[in-house]
Amino acid sequence: MRKRRDPRRITARYLESYTLHYLERYVTTTHHLRRLLRQRVNRSAAHHGDDPAEGHQLVDALIHKLVDLGLLDDRRYAEDKARALLQRGSSRRRIVQALGAKGLRGSLVDEALAAAGVDDDAELRAARTYARKRRIGPWREGSADWQTRRKELAKLARRGFSYDVASRVVDAPAEDWDDHSLL
């Protein structure tokens, strides 16, 4: 088993290098990046006996610099994430939850949902996408009894879809989805 290396001492140059490498690989929010870097600072400060407040100031300055340069943009992140989750079959509730987990809240989330086109029709299309992937409703093999219907409704409810949307998807015949008459 590998021995874990001791954390490096935090400097402005190290933080910038680490952050740029991280941003090359991942798209993130300011809140998430701040939390990640502060954890790194805290680990280093505890190991080396330094004051973590100095490292936190370096983190805040770096994040401010990255926002000014346009390398961190919470609005763009929120819109892209909302659009991607909607296309994968996520409900409005699930999208709001995912954005909240990254530290995005309030009007920023509302604007991202509007920009991604999350409305009632989009919610129904997302439920349809999820149902098709999971072979629920019109895409299930064989006939359904009341227990199967109940389980399928529960699956859609756990994904954040309302009862109305879930029942429209589960109870619809496959022909209705082919001509998009339910949308």
Foldseek 3Di string as FASTA:
>chain_A
DDDDDQQDADDLVVLLVVVVVVLVPDAAALQQQLVVQLVSLVSNCVVVVHDSVVSSVSSVVSSVVCVVVVSHDLLVVLLVQLLVLLVQLAALVLSQVVSVVRVDDDPSNVVSCVSSPHDPLSNLVSPLNVCCVVCAAQRPPDDDDPVSLVVQLVVSVVSPRDSVSSCCRNDDHPVCVVVVVVD
